[in-house]
Amino acid sequence: MNAFKIGCDVGVNGAFALLKNGEIIDIWDMPASTATYGKKNKKEVSPQLLNIMVGEMKSICDGYGGSYTLEANVERVNAFGMGATSAFGFGRSAGVVAGVLAAHNVPIDYVMPMQWKKQFGLIKAGKDATRTLALEKFPANADLFKRKKDVDRADAVFIGLYTPF
């Protein structure tokens, strides 16, 4: 039986990684809606596009043939230190992610940032350390992490790779 894992870095600038046996199958940036909110016209996660994206992930899993399991590790986020508008948007993004995964019957394990970062030696490391580690561990996928803003993609990979002890 094939075992697939989705790693999700929540937030409008977040990402999803689809992994099989610890290897990267594909990575998607969080799909943003064309709708905006607040005085600064902030973007939000598109439930419709995310639904299509998770359906695409399941189709990829189907393409491997036979039976498989598909589970998700989703970063457990909080709104500490955010303004009200940002906190609401962040919470809405987390809710959209949970709702779409549930609609596709994908079981979710929530992972605290300190948990997955500790497992990969990233506690107190700079924001770009995750991307640097992804480039080292996955040189064949270096094109997925070449930009500074691809740190969210790297976070999604390591969230997906996290295993509780």
N, C-alpha and C. Protein backbone atom coordinates (compact mmCIF):
# COMPACT_ATOMS: atom_id res chain seq x y z
N MET A 1 0.84 -1.17 0.00
CA MET A 1 0.00 0.00 0.00
C MET A 1 0.89 1.24 0.00
N ASN A 2 0.58 2.19 -0.85
CA ASN A 2 1.31 3.44 -0.92
C ASN A 2 0.85 4.38 0.18
N ALA A 3 1.79 5.08 0.79
CA ALA A 3 1.47 6.05 1.85
C ALA A 3 1.88 7.44 1.39
N PHE A 4 0.91 8.32 1.30
CA PHE A 4 1.16 9.69 0.89
C PHE A 4 0.89 10.61 2.06
N LYS A 5 1.62 11.71 2.11
CA LYS A 5 1.44 12.70 3.17
C LYS A 5 1.40 14.08 2.53
N ILE A 6 0.46 14.88 3.00
CA ILE A 6 0.38 16.28 2.61
C ILE A 6 0.96 17.10 3.77
N GLY A 7 1.84 18.01 3.46
CA GLY A 7 2.33 18.97 4.44
C GLY A 7 1.76 20.33 4.09
N CYS A 8 1.25 21.04 5.08
CA CYS A 8 0.63 22.34 4.81
C CYS A 8 1.14 23.43 5.73
N ASP A 9 1.70 24.45 5.13
CA ASP A 9 2.05 25.68 5.82
C ASP A 9 0.88 26.63 5.58
N VAL A 10 0.09 26.86 6.62
CA VAL A 10 -1.16 27.62 6.52
C VAL A 10 -0.87 29.10 6.30
N GLY A 11 -1.78 29.75 5.64
CA GLY A 11 -1.70 31.20 5.42
C GLY A 11 -1.80 31.49 3.94
N VAL A 12 -2.17 32.71 3.63
CA VAL A 12 -2.37 33.07 2.22
C VAL A 12 -1.08 32.95 1.42
N ASN A 13 0.07 33.06 2.06
CA ASN A 13 1.35 32.88 1.38
C ASN A 13 1.93 31.50 1.64
N GLY A 14 1.15 30.60 2.20
CA GLY A 14 1.60 29.26 2.54
C GLY A 14 1.76 28.37 1.33
N ALA A 15 1.87 27.08 1.61
CA ALA A 15 2.09 26.11 0.54
C ALA A 15 1.65 24.72 0.99
N PHE A 16 1.51 23.84 0.01
CA PHE A 16 1.21 22.44 0.23
C PHE A 16 2.30 21.61 -0.44
N ALA A 17 2.72 20.54 0.23
CA ALA A 17 3.67 19.60 -0.36
C ALA A 17 3.03 18.22 -0.33
N LEU A 18 3.11 17.51 -1.43
CA LEU A 18 2.66 16.12 -1.48
C LEU A 18 3.90 15.24 -1.47
N LEU A 19 3.96 14.34 -0.49
CA LEU A 19 5.12 13.48 -0.29
C LEU A 19 4.72 12.01 -0.37
N LYS A 20 5.63 11.19 -0.85
CA LYS A 20 5.44 9.74 -0.86
C LYS A 20 6.71 9.12 -0.32
N ASN A 21 6.58 8.43 0.79
CA ASN A 21 7.74 7.79 1.42
C ASN A 21 8.90 8.78 1.62
N GLY A 22 8.57 9.98 2.04
CA GLY A 22 9.60 10.97 2.34
C GLY A 22 10.18 11.70 1.15
N GLU A 23 9.66 11.43 -0.02
CA GLU A 23 10.15 12.10 -1.24
C GLU A 23 9.08 13.06 -1.75
N ILE A 24 9.54 14.16 -2.31
CA ILE A 24 8.63 15.18 -2.83
C ILE A 24 8.02 14.72 -4.15
N ILE A 25 6.69 14.70 -4.18
CA ILE A 25 5.98 14.42 -5.44
C ILE A 25 5.71 15.74 -6.15
N ASP A 26 5.18 16.71 -5.41
CA ASP A 26 4.92 18.04 -5.99
C ASP A 26 4.67 19.03 -4.86
N ILE A 27 4.74 20.30 -5.21
CA ILE A 27 4.49 21.39 -4.28
C ILE A 27 3.60 22.41 -4.96
N TRP A 28 2.66 22.94 -4.19
CA TRP A 28 1.75 23.97 -4.68
C TRP A 28 1.78 25.16 -3.73
N ASP A 29 1.79 26.35 -4.28
CA ASP A 29 1.61 27.54 -3.46
C ASP A 29 0.13 27.64 -3.10
N MET A 30 -0.14 28.22 -1.95
CA MET A 30 -1.52 28.36 -1.50
C MET A 30 -2.29 29.18 -2.54
N PRO A 31 -3.43 28.68 -2.99
CA PRO A 31 -4.19 29.42 -4.00
C PRO A 31 -4.93 30.61 -3.38
N ALA A 32 -4.65 31.78 -3.90
CA ALA A 32 -5.29 33.00 -3.39
C ALA A 32 -6.48 33.37 -4.25
N SER A 33 -7.48 33.90 -3.59
CA SER A 33 -8.68 34.37 -4.27
C SER A 33 -8.40 35.73 -4.90
N THR A 34 -9.20 36.08 -5.88
CA THR A 34 -9.09 37.43 -6.45
C THR A 34 -9.77 38.43 -5.53
N ALA A 35 -10.57 37.94 -4.58
CA ALA A 35 -11.23 38.82 -3.62
C ALA A 35 -10.22 39.30 -2.58
N THR A 36 -10.40 40.50 -2.09
CA THR A 36 -9.54 41.05 -1.06
C THR A 36 -10.40 41.57 0.08
N TYR A 37 -9.77 41.86 1.21
CA TYR A 37 -10.51 42.39 2.35
C TYR A 37 -9.65 43.41 3.09
N GLY A 38 -10.28 44.22 3.91
CA GLY A 38 -9.58 45.18 4.76
C GLY A 38 -9.10 46.40 4.00
N LYS A 39 -8.58 47.34 4.76
CA LYS A 39 -8.11 48.60 4.19
C LYS A 39 -6.91 48.41 3.27
N LYS A 40 -6.14 47.37 3.51
CA LYS A 40 -4.93 47.13 2.72
C LYS A 40 -5.15 46.13 1.59
N ASN A 41 -6.42 45.80 1.34
CA ASN A 41 -6.76 44.85 0.27
C ASN A 41 -5.97 43.56 0.35
N LYS A 42 -6.01 42.93 1.51
CA LYS A 42 -5.30 41.67 1.71
C LYS A 42 -6.00 40.54 0.96
N LYS A 43 -5.19 39.64 0.43
CA LYS A 43 -5.74 38.48 -0.26
C LYS A 43 -6.16 37.43 0.75
N GLU A 44 -6.96 36.49 0.31
CA GLU A 44 -7.37 35.38 1.16
C GLU A 44 -7.32 34.09 0.37
N VAL A 45 -7.29 32.98 1.08
CA VAL A 45 -7.24 31.66 0.45
C VAL A 45 -8.55 31.41 -0.28
N SER A 46 -8.45 30.87 -1.48
CA SER A 46 -9.63 30.54 -2.27
C SER A 46 -10.09 29.12 -1.97
N PRO A 47 -11.26 28.95 -1.34
CA PRO A 47 -11.75 27.60 -1.07
C PRO A 47 -11.96 26.78 -2.35
N GLN A 48 -12.45 27.44 -3.40
CA GLN A 48 -12.73 26.74 -4.65
C GLN A 48 -11.44 26.23 -5.29
N LEU A 49 -10.42 27.10 -5.37
CA LEU A 49 -9.15 26.67 -5.97
C LEU A 49 -8.44 25.63 -5.11
N LEU A 50 -8.55 25.78 -3.80
CA LEU A 50 -7.94 24.79 -2.90
C LEU A 50 -8.63 23.44 -3.06
N ASN A 51 -9.93 23.44 -3.22
CA ASN A 51 -10.68 22.21 -3.44
C ASN A 51 -10.19 21.51 -4.71
N ILE A 52 -9.99 22.27 -5.77
CA ILE A 52 -9.48 21.69 -7.02
C ILE A 52 -8.07 21.14 -6.81
N MET A 53 -7.25 21.88 -6.07
CA MET A 53 -5.87 21.48 -5.83
C MET A 53 -5.80 20.16 -5.05
N VAL A 54 -6.60 20.04 -4.00
CA VAL A 54 -6.60 18.80 -3.22
C VAL A 54 -7.14 17.65 -4.08
N GLY A 55 -8.11 17.92 -4.92
CA GLY A 55 -8.58 16.90 -5.86
C GLY A 55 -7.47 16.44 -6.80
N GLU A 56 -6.63 17.39 -7.23
CA GLU A 56 -5.49 17.06 -8.08
C GLU A 56 -4.49 16.18 -7.32
N MET A 57 -4.27 16.49 -6.06
CA MET A 57 -3.38 15.66 -5.24
C MET A 57 -3.90 14.22 -5.17
N LYS A 58 -5.20 14.09 -4.96
CA LYS A 58 -5.78 12.74 -4.89
C LYS A 58 -5.66 12.02 -6.23
N SER A 59 -5.80 12.75 -7.32
CA SER A 59 -5.64 12.13 -8.65
C SER A 59 -4.22 11.65 -8.85
N ILE A 60 -3.25 12.42 -8.36
CA ILE A 60 -1.85 11.99 -8.45
C ILE A 60 -1.66 10.69 -7.68
N CYS A 61 -2.23 10.62 -6.48
CA CYS A 61 -2.14 9.40 -5.67
C CYS A 61 -2.80 8.23 -6.40
N ASP A 62 -3.97 8.47 -7.00
CA ASP A 62 -4.66 7.43 -7.77
C ASP A 62 -3.78 6.90 -8.90
N GLY A 63 -2.97 7.79 -9.49
CA GLY A 63 -2.13 7.43 -10.62
C GLY A 63 -1.04 6.42 -10.28
N TYR A 64 -0.76 6.27 -9.01
CA TYR A 64 0.25 5.28 -8.61
C TYR A 64 -0.34 3.87 -8.59
N GLY A 65 -1.65 3.76 -8.70
CA GLY A 65 -2.31 2.46 -8.73
C GLY A 65 -2.38 1.81 -7.37
N GLY A 66 -3.32 0.90 -7.25
CA GLY A 66 -3.49 0.18 -5.99
C GLY A 66 -4.08 1.05 -4.90
N SER A 67 -4.14 0.47 -3.72
CA SER A 67 -4.70 1.23 -2.60
C SER A 67 -3.62 2.11 -1.98
N TYR A 68 -4.06 3.16 -1.32
CA TYR A 68 -3.12 4.07 -0.70
C TYR A 68 -3.77 4.76 0.49
N THR A 69 -2.91 5.32 1.33
CA THR A 69 -3.39 6.19 2.40
C THR A 69 -2.93 7.60 2.09
N LEU A 70 -3.75 8.55 2.48
CA LEU A 70 -3.42 9.96 2.30
C LEU A 70 -3.80 10.68 3.59
N GLU A 71 -2.80 11.27 4.23
CA GLU A 71 -3.02 12.01 5.47
C GLU A 71 -2.34 13.36 5.33
N ALA A 72 -2.72 14.30 6.19
CA ALA A 72 -2.13 15.64 6.14
C ALA A 72 -1.57 16.04 7.50
N ASN A 73 -0.41 16.65 7.47
CA ASN A 73 0.13 17.36 8.62
C ASN A 73 -0.08 18.83 8.32
N VAL A 74 -0.83 19.50 9.17
CA VAL A 74 -1.13 20.91 8.99
C VAL A 74 -0.55 21.67 10.18
N GLU A 75 0.17 22.73 9.88
CA GLU A 75 0.75 23.51 10.96
C GLU A 75 -0.35 24.16 11.79
N ARG A 76 -0.27 23.95 13.12
CA ARG A 76 -1.23 24.57 14.04
C ARG A 76 -0.73 25.99 14.28
N VAL A 77 -1.57 26.91 13.86
CA VAL A 77 -1.18 28.32 13.91
C VAL A 77 -1.96 29.07 14.98
N ASN A 78 -1.39 30.20 15.39
CA ASN A 78 -2.13 31.10 16.27
C ASN A 78 -1.89 32.52 15.79
N ALA A 79 -2.65 33.43 16.31
CA ALA A 79 -2.61 34.81 15.85
C ALA A 79 -1.86 35.73 16.81
N PHE A 80 -0.95 35.18 17.56
CA PHE A 80 -0.21 35.95 18.55
C PHE A 80 0.49 37.14 17.90
N GLY A 81 0.25 38.33 18.43
CA GLY A 81 0.92 39.53 17.96
C GLY A 81 0.37 40.12 16.68
N MET A 82 -0.74 39.60 16.17
CA MET A 82 -1.32 40.13 14.94
C MET A 82 -2.43 41.11 15.27
N GLY A 83 -2.68 42.01 14.35
CA GLY A 83 -3.83 42.88 14.46
C GLY A 83 -5.10 42.09 14.20
N ALA A 84 -6.23 42.68 14.51
CA ALA A 84 -7.51 41.98 14.39
C ALA A 84 -7.80 41.53 12.97
N THR A 85 -7.57 42.38 11.99
CA THR A 85 -7.87 42.02 10.61
C THR A 85 -6.97 40.88 10.13
N SER A 86 -5.69 40.99 10.44
CA SER A 86 -4.75 39.92 10.05
C SER A 86 -5.08 38.61 10.75
N ALA A 87 -5.38 38.69 12.03
CA ALA A 87 -5.70 37.48 12.80
C ALA A 87 -6.94 36.80 12.24
N PHE A 88 -7.96 37.59 11.90
CA PHE A 88 -9.17 37.01 11.34
C PHE A 88 -8.87 36.33 10.01
N GLY A 89 -8.10 36.99 9.16
CA GLY A 89 -7.75 36.41 7.86
C GLY A 89 -6.94 35.14 8.00
N PHE A 90 -6.00 35.13 8.95
CA PHE A 90 -5.17 33.95 9.18
C PHE A 90 -6.02 32.79 9.68
N GLY A 91 -6.92 33.08 10.60
CA GLY A 91 -7.83 32.06 11.11
C GLY A 91 -8.75 31.53 10.03
N ARG A 92 -9.22 32.44 9.17
CA ARG A 92 -10.08 32.03 8.06
C ARG A 92 -9.32 31.08 7.13
N SER A 93 -8.06 31.40 6.84
CA SER A 93 -7.24 30.54 5.99
C SER A 93 -7.11 29.14 6.59
N ALA A 94 -6.85 29.09 7.90
CA ALA A 94 -6.72 27.79 8.58
C ALA A 94 -8.04 27.02 8.50
N GLY A 95 -9.15 27.71 8.64
CA GLY A 95 -10.45 27.06 8.56
C GLY A 95 -10.76 26.54 7.17
N VAL A 96 -10.39 27.30 6.16
CA VAL A 96 -10.61 26.87 4.77
C VAL A 96 -9.79 25.60 4.50
N VAL A 97 -8.54 25.59 4.94
CA VAL A 97 -7.69 24.42 4.74
C VAL A 97 -8.31 23.19 5.42
N ALA A 98 -8.71 23.35 6.68
CA ALA A 98 -9.31 22.23 7.41
C ALA A 98 -10.59 21.76 6.74
N GLY A 99 -11.42 22.68 6.31
CA GLY A 99 -12.69 22.32 5.67
C GLY A 99 -12.51 21.59 4.36
N VAL A 100 -11.59 22.06 3.53
CA VAL A 100 -11.37 21.41 2.23
C VAL A 100 -10.77 20.02 2.43
N LEU A 101 -9.80 19.89 3.31
CA LEU A 101 -9.23 18.56 3.56
C LEU A 101 -10.29 17.61 4.12
N ALA A 102 -11.12 18.09 5.02
CA ALA A 102 -12.20 17.26 5.57
C ALA A 102 -13.18 16.85 4.48
N ALA A 103 -13.49 17.76 3.58
CA ALA A 103 -14.43 17.45 2.49
C ALA A 103 -13.88 16.35 1.58
N HIS A 104 -12.57 16.24 1.52
CA HIS A 104 -11.93 15.17 0.73
C HIS A 104 -11.58 13.95 1.58
N ASN A 105 -12.08 13.92 2.82
CA ASN A 105 -11.83 12.80 3.74
C ASN A 105 -10.34 12.55 3.98
N VAL A 106 -9.58 13.63 4.07
CA VAL A 106 -8.15 13.52 4.37
C VAL A 106 -7.98 13.77 5.87
N PRO A 107 -7.54 12.77 6.62
CA PRO A 107 -7.32 12.97 8.06
C PRO A 107 -6.21 14.00 8.29
N ILE A 108 -6.40 14.81 9.33
CA ILE A 108 -5.45 15.89 9.63
C ILE A 108 -4.81 15.67 10.99
N ASP A 109 -3.49 15.80 11.04
CA ASP A 109 -2.74 15.90 12.29
C ASP A 109 -2.22 17.32 12.34
N TYR A 110 -2.51 18.01 13.43
CA TYR A 110 -2.01 19.38 13.59
C TYR A 110 -0.67 19.33 14.28
N VAL A 111 0.27 20.10 13.76
CA VAL A 111 1.65 20.09 14.24
C VAL A 111 2.04 21.51 14.66
N MET A 112 2.50 21.64 15.88
CA MET A 112 2.98 22.93 16.36
C MET A 112 4.31 23.26 15.67
N PRO A 113 4.55 24.53 15.37
CA PRO A 113 5.82 24.89 14.72
C PRO A 113 7.04 24.41 15.49
N MET A 114 7.01 24.51 16.81
CA MET A 114 8.16 24.08 17.61
C MET A 114 8.40 22.58 17.49
N GLN A 115 7.36 21.79 17.24
CA GLN A 115 7.52 20.34 17.10
C GLN A 115 8.31 19.98 15.84
N TRP A 116 7.82 20.45 14.70
CA TRP A 116 8.50 20.07 13.47
C TRP A 116 9.86 20.73 13.34
N LYS A 117 9.99 21.96 13.83
CA LYS A 117 11.29 22.64 13.75
C LYS A 117 12.33 21.94 14.63
N LYS A 118 11.91 21.46 15.79
CA LYS A 118 12.83 20.74 16.67
C LYS A 118 13.32 19.47 16.01
N GLN A 119 12.41 18.73 15.38
CA GLN A 119 12.78 17.47 14.75
C GLN A 119 13.85 17.66 13.67
N PHE A 120 13.83 18.82 13.00
CA PHE A 120 14.77 19.05 11.91
C PHE A 120 15.88 20.04 12.26
N GLY A 121 16.05 20.30 13.56
CA GLY A 121 17.13 21.17 14.01
C GLY A 121 16.98 22.61 13.59
N LEU A 122 15.75 23.09 13.54
CA LEU A 122 15.51 24.45 13.06
C LEU A 122 15.04 25.41 14.15
N ILE A 123 15.10 24.97 15.40
CA ILE A 123 14.73 25.86 16.50
C ILE A 123 15.73 27.02 16.54
N LYS A 124 15.24 28.20 16.64
CA LYS A 124 16.04 29.44 16.70
C LYS A 124 16.85 29.68 15.45
N ALA A 125 16.56 28.95 14.38
CA ALA A 125 17.24 29.18 13.11
C ALA A 125 16.51 30.30 12.38
N GLY A 126 17.18 30.98 11.52
CA GLY A 126 16.56 32.05 10.74
C GLY A 126 15.47 31.51 9.82
N LYS A 127 14.62 32.39 9.35
CA LYS A 127 13.50 32.01 8.49
C LYS A 127 13.96 31.24 7.25
N ASP A 128 15.10 31.64 6.69
CA ASP A 128 15.57 31.01 5.46
C ASP A 128 16.25 29.66 5.70
N ALA A 129 16.47 29.28 6.95
CA ALA A 129 17.15 28.02 7.25
C ALA A 129 16.38 26.82 6.72
N THR A 130 15.06 26.90 6.73
CA THR A 130 14.25 25.78 6.23
C THR A 130 14.47 25.60 4.74
N ARG A 131 14.51 26.69 4.01
CA ARG A 131 14.74 26.63 2.57
C ARG A 131 16.14 26.08 2.27
N THR A 132 17.12 26.51 3.04
CA THR A 132 18.49 26.03 2.87
C THR A 132 18.56 24.52 3.12
N LEU A 133 17.88 24.05 4.17
CA LEU A 133 17.85 22.62 4.48
C LEU A 133 17.16 21.84 3.36
N ALA A 134 16.09 22.40 2.81
CA ALA A 134 15.39 21.73 1.70
C ALA A 134 16.30 21.60 0.48
N LEU A 135 17.08 22.64 0.22
CA LEU A 135 18.02 22.58 -0.91
C LEU A 135 19.08 21.50 -0.69
N GLU A 136 19.51 21.32 0.55
CA GLU A 136 20.51 20.30 0.88
C GLU A 136 19.92 18.89 0.78
N LYS A 137 18.72 18.70 1.34
CA LYS A 137 18.13 17.36 1.41
C LYS A 137 17.48 16.91 0.10
N PHE A 138 17.07 17.88 -0.73
CA PHE A 138 16.36 17.55 -1.96
C PHE A 138 16.98 18.27 -3.15
N PRO A 139 18.25 17.98 -3.47
CA PRO A 139 18.91 18.69 -4.57
C PRO A 139 18.21 18.50 -5.92
N ALA A 140 17.56 17.37 -6.11
CA ALA A 140 16.84 17.15 -7.37
C ALA A 140 15.63 18.07 -7.51
N ASN A 141 15.17 18.63 -6.39
CA ASN A 141 14.02 19.53 -6.40
C ASN A 141 14.42 20.98 -6.14
N ALA A 142 15.68 21.30 -6.34
CA ALA A 142 16.20 22.64 -6.02
C ALA A 142 15.43 23.75 -6.71
N ASP A 143 14.90 23.48 -7.90
CA ASP A 143 14.15 24.52 -8.61
C ASP A 143 12.90 24.95 -7.85
N LEU A 144 12.38 24.11 -6.95
CA LEU A 144 11.19 24.44 -6.17
C LEU A 144 11.50 25.39 -5.01
N PHE A 145 12.79 25.54 -4.70
CA PHE A 145 13.19 26.35 -3.54
C PHE A 145 14.19 27.45 -3.90
N LYS A 146 14.26 27.84 -5.15
CA LYS A 146 15.31 28.76 -5.59
C LYS A 146 15.10 30.21 -5.16
N ARG A 147 13.86 30.61 -4.88
CA ARG A 147 13.59 32.00 -4.50
C ARG A 147 13.47 32.11 -2.98
N LYS A 148 13.81 33.28 -2.45
CA LYS A 148 13.69 33.52 -1.00
C LYS A 148 12.26 33.25 -0.53
N LYS A 149 11.27 33.63 -1.33
CA LYS A 149 9.88 33.45 -0.91
C LYS A 149 9.43 31.98 -0.94
N ASP A 150 10.29 31.10 -1.41
CA ASP A 150 9.96 29.67 -1.42
C ASP A 150 10.16 29.01 -0.07
N VAL A 151 10.47 29.80 0.95
CA VAL A 151 10.62 29.26 2.30
C VAL A 151 9.31 28.62 2.77
N ASP A 152 8.17 29.13 2.33
CA ASP A 152 6.88 28.54 2.71
C ASP A 152 6.73 27.14 2.09
N ARG A 153 7.25 26.95 0.91
CA ARG A 153 7.25 25.63 0.29
C ARG A 153 8.11 24.67 1.11
N ALA A 154 9.29 25.13 1.51
CA ALA A 154 10.17 24.30 2.33
C ALA A 154 9.51 23.96 3.66
N ASP A 155 8.86 24.96 4.27
CA ASP A 155 8.14 24.69 5.51
C ASP A 155 7.10 23.59 5.31
N ALA A 156 6.35 23.65 4.21
CA ALA A 156 5.33 22.64 3.94
C ALA A 156 5.94 21.24 3.83
N VAL A 157 7.11 21.15 3.21
CA VAL A 157 7.78 19.86 3.08
C VAL A 157 8.13 19.29 4.45
N PHE A 158 8.75 20.10 5.30
CA PHE A 158 9.17 19.59 6.60
C PHE A 158 8.00 19.38 7.55
N ILE A 159 6.94 20.13 7.40
CA ILE A 159 5.72 19.86 8.16
C ILE A 159 5.18 18.49 7.75
N GLY A 160 5.19 18.21 6.46
CA GLY A 160 4.74 16.91 5.96
C GLY A 160 5.63 15.76 6.38
N LEU A 161 6.92 16.01 6.52
CA LEU A 161 7.86 14.97 6.93
C LEU A 161 7.86 14.71 8.43
N TYR A 162 7.30 15.63 9.18
CA TYR A 162 7.30 15.50 10.65
C TYR A 162 6.62 14.20 11.07
N THR A 163 7.25 13.49 11.98
CA THR A 163 6.65 12.30 12.57
C THR A 163 6.81 12.41 14.09
N PRO A 164 5.73 12.24 14.83
CA PRO A 164 5.86 12.29 16.30
C PRO A 164 6.64 11.09 16.79
N PHE A 165 7.35 11.28 17.84
CA PHE A 165 8.15 10.18 18.41
C PHE A 165 7.35 9.40 19.40
